[in-house]
Amino acid sequence: MLYICTPFVEKLYSSSMINVSEIAKRQVETLMHEDGFNPKTDFVRVGVKSGGCSGLSYELKFDKTQHESDKIFEDNGIKIVVDTKSFLYLVGTTLDYSGGLNGNGFVFNNPNANRTCGCGESFSM
Protein backbone atom coordinates (compact mmCIF):
# COMPACT_ATOMS: atom_id res chain seq x y z
CA MET A 1 0.00 0.00 0.00
CA LEU A 2 1.31 3.46 -0.94
CA TYR A 3 0.88 6.35 1.44
CA ILE A 4 1.36 9.91 0.24
CA CYS A 5 2.44 12.46 2.80
CA THR A 6 0.34 15.65 2.68
CA PRO A 7 3.34 18.03 2.94
CA PHE A 8 4.86 16.27 -0.09
CA VAL A 9 1.66 16.79 -2.08
CA GLU A 10 1.53 20.46 -1.04
CA LYS A 11 5.18 20.92 -2.07
CA LEU A 12 4.50 19.21 -5.40
CA TYR A 13 1.61 21.54 -6.18
CA SER A 14 3.33 24.64 -4.87
CA SER A 15 6.21 24.19 -7.26
CA SER A 16 3.99 23.76 -10.32
CA MET A 17 0.68 25.37 -9.45
CA ILE A 18 0.73 28.74 -11.19
CA ASN A 19 3.76 30.24 -12.84
CA VAL A 20 4.15 33.97 -13.38
CA SER A 21 5.97 35.28 -16.44
CA GLU A 22 8.40 38.16 -16.06
CA ILE A 23 6.14 40.59 -17.93
CA ALA A 24 3.13 39.55 -15.80
CA LYS A 25 5.23 40.05 -12.65
CA ARG A 26 6.11 43.62 -13.66
CA GLN A 27 2.49 44.41 -14.52
CA VAL A 28 1.17 42.91 -11.27
CA GLU A 29 3.64 44.94 -9.22
CA THR A 30 2.74 48.16 -11.08
CA LEU A 31 -1.01 47.63 -10.73
CA MET A 32 -0.77 46.58 -7.09
CA HIS A 33 1.09 49.78 -6.23
CA GLU A 34 -1.48 51.86 -8.16
CA ASP A 35 -4.34 50.15 -6.27
CA GLY A 36 -2.75 50.57 -2.82
CA PHE A 37 -1.50 46.99 -2.41
CA ASN A 38 2.02 45.91 -1.46
CA PRO A 39 3.42 43.14 -3.73
CA LYS A 40 5.74 42.02 -0.89
CA THR A 41 2.92 41.30 1.59
CA ASP A 42 -0.35 41.19 -0.40
CA PHE A 43 -1.24 38.74 -3.12
CA VAL A 44 -3.06 38.00 -6.34
CA ARG A 45 -6.25 35.99 -5.88
CA VAL A 46 -6.91 33.71 -8.86
CA GLY A 47 -10.06 31.66 -9.29
CA VAL A 48 -12.40 29.94 -11.68
CA LYS A 49 -16.15 30.50 -11.85
CA SER A 50 -19.01 29.29 -14.02
CA GLY A 51 -19.70 31.50 -16.99
CA GLY A 52 -18.16 32.82 -20.14
CA CYS A 53 -18.69 31.58 -23.66
CA SER A 54 -16.73 28.36 -23.04
CA GLY A 55 -18.34 27.43 -19.70
CA LEU A 56 -15.74 28.53 -17.12
CA SER A 57 -14.04 31.88 -16.70
CA TYR A 58 -11.01 33.14 -14.82
CA GLU A 59 -11.07 35.62 -11.96
CA LEU A 60 -8.10 37.72 -10.93
CA LYS A 61 -7.97 40.40 -8.25
CA PHE A 62 -5.64 41.75 -5.59
CA ASP A 63 -6.33 40.80 -1.99
CA LYS A 64 -4.98 41.18 1.54
CA THR A 65 -7.11 38.52 3.24
CA GLN A 66 -6.37 34.82 3.09
CA HIS A 67 -9.20 32.41 3.89
CA GLU A 68 -8.66 29.22 5.85
CA SER A 69 -9.25 26.90 2.89
CA ASP A 70 -7.07 28.89 0.43
CA LYS A 71 -3.92 27.47 -1.08
CA ILE A 72 -1.05 29.94 -1.27
CA PHE A 73 1.78 29.75 -3.80
CA GLU A 74 4.63 31.98 -4.88
CA ASP A 75 6.40 32.25 -8.20
CA ASN A 76 8.76 34.91 -9.52
CA GLY A 77 8.26 36.92 -6.31
CA ILE A 78 4.47 37.11 -6.69
CA LYS A 79 2.23 35.54 -4.03
CA ILE A 80 -0.84 33.82 -5.46
CA VAL A 81 -3.86 32.58 -3.52
CA VAL A 82 -6.32 30.07 -4.97
CA ASP A 83 -9.59 28.91 -3.44
CA THR A 84 -10.14 25.18 -2.99
CA LYS A 85 -12.76 24.92 -5.78
CA SER A 86 -10.43 26.46 -8.37
CA PHE A 87 -7.32 24.58 -7.28
CA LEU A 88 -7.46 21.58 -9.66
CA TYR A 89 -8.53 23.66 -12.67
CA LEU A 90 -5.38 25.77 -12.47
CA VAL A 91 -2.51 23.32 -11.84
CA GLY A 92 0.32 24.12 -14.23
CA THR A 93 -1.16 27.41 -15.49
CA THR A 94 1.10 30.31 -16.41
CA LEU A 95 -0.09 33.84 -15.77
CA ASP A 96 1.16 36.05 -18.57
CA TYR A 97 0.46 39.56 -19.79
CA SER A 98 -0.24 40.56 -23.37
CA GLY A 99 0.08 44.05 -24.75
CA GLY A 100 -0.66 43.04 -28.33
CA LEU A 101 -3.02 44.26 -31.01
CA ASN A 102 -5.97 42.45 -29.44
CA GLY A 103 -5.69 44.61 -26.33
CA ASN A 104 -3.81 44.66 -23.06
CA GLY A 105 -4.52 42.23 -20.30
CA PHE A 106 -3.57 39.21 -18.28
CA VAL A 107 -3.61 35.88 -20.09
CA PHE A 108 -3.95 32.44 -18.51
CA ASN A 109 -2.00 29.75 -20.37
CA ASN A 110 -3.79 26.73 -18.91
CA PRO A 111 -2.62 23.26 -20.03
CA ASN A 112 -5.81 21.73 -18.54
CA ALA A 113 -8.18 23.63 -20.83
CA ASN A 114 -9.65 21.61 -23.72
CA ARG A 115 -11.14 24.65 -25.39
CA THR A 116 -10.80 28.41 -24.92
CA CYS A 117 -12.77 31.28 -26.33
CA GLY A 118 -11.29 33.82 -28.71
CA CYS A 119 -10.70 36.42 -26.00
CA GLY A 120 -8.94 33.90 -23.73
CA GLU A 121 -11.06 34.77 -20.71
CA SER A 122 -13.06 31.54 -20.59
CA PHE A 123 -12.37 27.86 -21.11
CA SER A 124 -13.78 24.36 -20.80
CA MET A 125 -12.33 21.09 -19.56
C-alpha atoms as a PDB file:
ATOM      1  CA  MET A   1       0.000   0.000   0.000  1.00  0.00           C
ATOM      2  CA  LEU A   2       1.311   3.459  -0.945  1.00  0.00           C
ATOM      3  CA  TYR A   3       0.884   6.354   1.442  1.00  0.00           C
ATOM      4  CA  ILE A   4       1.359   9.906   0.236  1.00  0.00           C
ATOM      5  CA  CYS A   5       2.437  12.462   2.798  1.00  0.00           C
ATOM      6  CA  THR A   6       0.343  15.653   2.677  1.00  0.00           C
ATOM      7  CA  PRO A   7       3.343  18.025   2.938  1.00  0.00           C
ATOM      8  CA  PHE A   8       4.858  16.266  -0.095  1.00  0.00           C
ATOM      9  CA  VAL A   9       1.663  16.790  -2.079  1.00  0.00           C
ATOM     10  CA  GLU A  10       1.528  20.460  -1.037  1.00  0.00           C
ATOM     11  CA  LYS A  11       5.175  20.920  -2.070  1.00  0.00           C
ATOM     12  CA  LEU A  12       4.505  19.214  -5.403  1.00  0.00           C
ATOM     13  CA  TYR A  13       1.607  21.541  -6.182  1.00  0.00           C
ATOM     14  CA  SER A  14       3.331  24.641  -4.870  1.00  0.00           C
ATOM     15  CA  SER A  15       6.214  24.193  -7.264  1.00  0.00           C
ATOM     16  CA  SER A  16       3.991  23.757 -10.325  1.00  0.00           C
ATOM     17  CA  MET A  17       0.683  25.371  -9.449  1.00  0.00           C
ATOM     18  CA  ILE A  18       0.730  28.739 -11.186  1.00  0.00           C
ATOM     19  CA  ASN A  19       3.762  30.238 -12.845  1.00  0.00           C
ATOM     20  CA  VAL A  20       4.146  33.974 -13.378  1.00  0.00           C
ATOM     21  CA  SER A  21       5.966  35.276 -16.437  1.00  0.00           C
ATOM     22  CA  GLU A  22       8.404  38.157 -16.057  1.00  0.00           C
ATOM     23  CA  ILE A  23       6.142  40.594 -17.933  1.00  0.00           C
ATOM     24  CA  ALA A  24       3.133  39.550 -15.797  1.00  0.00           C
ATOM     25  CA  LYS A  25       5.229  40.055 -12.653  1.00  0.00           C
ATOM     26  CA  ARG A  26       6.113  43.621 -13.657  1.00  0.00           C
ATOM     27  CA  GLN A  27       2.492  44.410 -14.523  1.00  0.00           C
ATOM     28  CA  VAL A  28       1.170  42.906 -11.272  1.00  0.00           C
ATOM     29  CA  GLU A  29       3.637  44.944  -9.222  1.00  0.00           C
ATOM     30  CA  THR A  30       2.740  48.156 -11.076  1.00  0.00           C
ATOM     31  CA  LEU A  31      -1.009  47.627 -10.734  1.00  0.00           C
ATOM     32  CA  MET A  32      -0.767  46.579  -7.088  1.00  0.00           C
ATOM     33  CA  HIS A  33       1.093  49.785  -6.233  1.00  0.00           C
ATOM     34  CA  GLU A  34      -1.476  51.857  -8.156  1.00  0.00           C
ATOM     35  CA  ASP A  35      -4.340  50.149  -6.271  1.00  0.00           C
ATOM     36  CA  GLY A  36      -2.749  50.571  -2.818  1.00  0.00           C
ATOM     37  CA  PHE A  37      -1.497  46.992  -2.411  1.00  0.00           C
ATOM     38  CA  ASN A  38       2.017  45.909  -1.459  1.00  0.00           C
ATOM     39  CA  PRO A  39       3.425  43.145  -3.727  1.00  0.00           C
ATOM     40  CA  LYS A  40       5.736  42.021  -0.890  1.00  0.00           C
ATOM     41  CA  THR A  41       2.916  41.303   1.594  1.00  0.00           C
ATOM     42  CA  ASP A  42      -0.353  41.195  -0.397  1.00  0.00           C
ATOM     43  CA  PHE A  43      -1.237  38.739  -3.119  1.00  0.00           C
ATOM     44  CA  VAL A  44      -3.060  37.998  -6.339  1.00  0.00           C
ATOM     45  CA  ARG A  45      -6.253  35.991  -5.885  1.00  0.00           C
ATOM     46  CA  VAL A  46      -6.906  33.712  -8.858  1.00  0.00           C
ATOM     47  CA  GLY A  47     -10.060  31.662  -9.291  1.00  0.00           C
ATOM     48  CA  VAL A  48     -12.403  29.937 -11.679  1.00  0.00           C
ATOM     49  CA  LYS A  49     -16.145  30.502 -11.855  1.00  0.00           C
ATOM     50  CA  SER A  50     -19.010  29.286 -14.022  1.00  0.00           C
ATOM     51  CA  GLY A  51     -19.696  31.504 -16.988  1.00  0.00           C
ATOM     52  CA  GLY A  52     -18.160  32.822 -20.143  1.00  0.00           C
ATOM     53  CA  CYS A  53     -18.694  31.584 -23.663  1.00  0.00           C
ATOM     54  CA  SER A  54     -16.732  28.357 -23.042  1.00  0.00           C
ATOM     55  CA  GLY A  55     -18.340  27.433 -19.704  1.00  0.00           C
ATOM     56  CA  LEU A  56     -15.745  28.530 -17.125  1.00  0.00           C
ATOM     57  CA  SER A  57     -14.040  31.885 -16.697  1.00  0.00           C
ATOM     58  CA  TYR A  58     -11.008  33.143 -14.822  1.00  0.00           C
ATOM     59  CA  GLU A  59     -11.070  35.625 -11.963  1.00  0.00           C
ATOM     60  CA  LEU A  60      -8.101  37.724 -10.927  1.00  0.00           C
ATOM     61  CA  LYS A  61      -7.965  40.400  -8.247  1.00  0.00           C
ATOM     62  CA  PHE A  62      -5.639  41.746  -5.589  1.00  0.00           C
ATOM     63  CA  ASP A  63      -6.333  40.796  -1.987  1.00  0.00           C
ATOM     64  CA  LYS A  64      -4.976  41.184   1.544  1.00  0.00           C
ATOM     65  CA  THR A  65      -7.106  38.524   3.240  1.00  0.00           C
ATOM     66  CA  GLN A  66      -6.366  34.822   3.087  1.00  0.00           C
ATOM     67  CA  HIS A  67      -9.202  32.408   3.889  1.00  0.00           C
ATOM     68  CA  GLU A  68      -8.664  29.216   5.855  1.00  0.00           C
ATOM     69  CA  SER A  69      -9.252  26.902   2.890  1.00  0.00           C
ATOM     70  CA  ASP A  70      -7.073  28.895   0.434  1.00  0.00           C
ATOM     71  CA  LYS A  71      -3.924  27.469  -1.080  1.00  0.00           C
ATOM     72  CA  ILE A  72      -1.046  29.940  -1.268  1.00  0.00           C
ATOM     73  CA  PHE A  73       1.779  29.750  -3.802  1.00  0.00           C
ATOM     74  CA  GLU A  74       4.626  31.977  -4.883  1.00  0.00           C
ATOM     75  CA  ASP A  75       6.397  32.252  -8.200  1.00  0.00           C
ATOM     76  CA  ASN A  76       8.761  34.912  -9.521  1.00  0.00           C
ATOM     77  CA  GLY A  77       8.264  36.921  -6.313  1.00  0.00           C
ATOM     78  CA  ILE A  78       4.465  37.106  -6.693  1.00  0.00           C
ATOM     79  CA  LYS A  79       2.231  35.545  -4.031  1.00  0.00           C
ATOM     80  CA  ILE A  80      -0.843  33.817  -5.465  1.00  0.00           C
ATOM     81  CA  VAL A  81      -3.855  32.581  -3.522  1.00  0.00           C
ATOM     82  CA  VAL A  82      -6.321  30.074  -4.973  1.00  0.00           C
ATOM     83  CA  ASP A  83      -9.591  28.913  -3.438  1.00  0.00           C
ATOM     84  CA  THR A  84     -10.143  25.179  -2.991  1.00  0.00           C
ATOM     85  CA  LYS A  85     -12.756  24.919  -5.782  1.00  0.00           C
ATOM     86  CA  SER A  86     -10.426  26.456  -8.375  1.00  0.00           C
ATOM     87  CA  PHE A  87      -7.321  24.578  -7.279  1.00  0.00           C
ATOM     88  CA  LEU A  88      -7.464  21.578  -9.661  1.00  0.00           C
ATOM     89  CA  TYR A  89      -8.535  23.661 -12.670  1.00  0.00           C
ATOM     90  CA  LEU A  90      -5.376  25.774 -12.467  1.00  0.00           C
ATOM     91  CA  VAL A  91      -2.512  23.319 -11.835  1.00  0.00           C
ATOM     92  CA  GLY A  92       0.321  24.121 -14.234  1.00  0.00           C
ATOM     93  CA  THR A  93      -1.163  27.405 -15.490  1.00  0.00           C
ATOM     94  CA  THR A  94       1.096  30.311 -16.414  1.00  0.00           C
ATOM     95  CA  LEU A  95      -0.090  33.837 -15.774  1.00  0.00           C
ATOM     96  CA  ASP A  96       1.163  36.054 -18.572  1.00  0.00           C
ATOM     97  CA  TYR A  97       0.463  39.564 -19.791  1.00  0.00           C
ATOM     98  CA  SER A  98      -0.241  40.564 -23.371  1.00  0.00           C
ATOM     99  CA  GLY A  99       0.081  44.048 -24.753  1.00  0.00           C
ATOM    100  CA  GLY A 100      -0.659  43.037 -28.334  1.00  0.00           C
ATOM    101  CA  LEU A 101      -3.016  44.263 -31.014  1.00  0.00           C
ATOM    102  CA  ASN A 102      -5.968  42.453 -29.437  1.00  0.00           C
ATOM    103  CA  GLY A 103      -5.688  44.614 -26.335  1.00  0.00           C
ATOM    104  CA  ASN A 104      -3.813  44.661 -23.062  1.00  0.00           C
ATOM    105  CA  GLY A 105      -4.524  42.230 -20.299  1.00  0.00           C
ATOM    106  CA  PHE A 106      -3.567  39.210 -18.277  1.00  0.00           C
ATOM    107  CA  VAL A 107      -3.612  35.881 -20.088  1.00  0.00           C
ATOM    108  CA  PHE A 108      -3.948  32.438 -18.511  1.00  0.00           C
ATOM    109  CA  ASN A 109      -2.004  29.747 -20.372  1.00  0.00           C
ATOM    110  CA  ASN A 110      -3.791  26.732 -18.913  1.00  0.00           C
ATOM    111  CA  PRO A 111      -2.625  23.264 -20.034  1.00  0.00           C
ATOM    112  CA  ASN A 112      -5.805  21.726 -18.538  1.00  0.00           C
ATOM    113  CA  ALA A 113      -8.183  23.626 -20.835  1.00  0.00           C
ATOM    114  CA  ASN A 114      -9.646  21.606 -23.718  1.00  0.00           C
ATOM    115  CA  ARG A 115     -11.136  24.654 -25.387  1.00  0.00           C
ATOM    116  CA  THR A 116     -10.799  28.405 -24.917  1.00  0.00           C
ATOM    117  CA  CYS A 117     -12.773  31.280 -26.327  1.00  0.00           C
ATOM    118  CA  GLY A 118     -11.286  33.823 -28.710  1.00  0.00           C
ATOM    119  CA  CYS A 119     -10.703  36.424 -25.997  1.00  0.00           C
ATOM    120  CA  GLY A 120      -8.936  33.896 -23.729  1.00  0.00           C
ATOM    121  CA  GLU A 121     -11.062  34.773 -20.711  1.00  0.00           C
ATOM    122  CA  SER A 122     -13.057  31.543 -20.594  1.00  0.00           C
ATOM    123  CA  PHE A 123     -12.370  27.859 -21.108  1.00  0.00           C
ATOM    124  CA  SER A 124     -13.776  24.356 -20.796  1.00  0.00           C
ATOM    125  CA  MET A 125     -12.333  21.093 -19.564  1.00  0.00           C
END
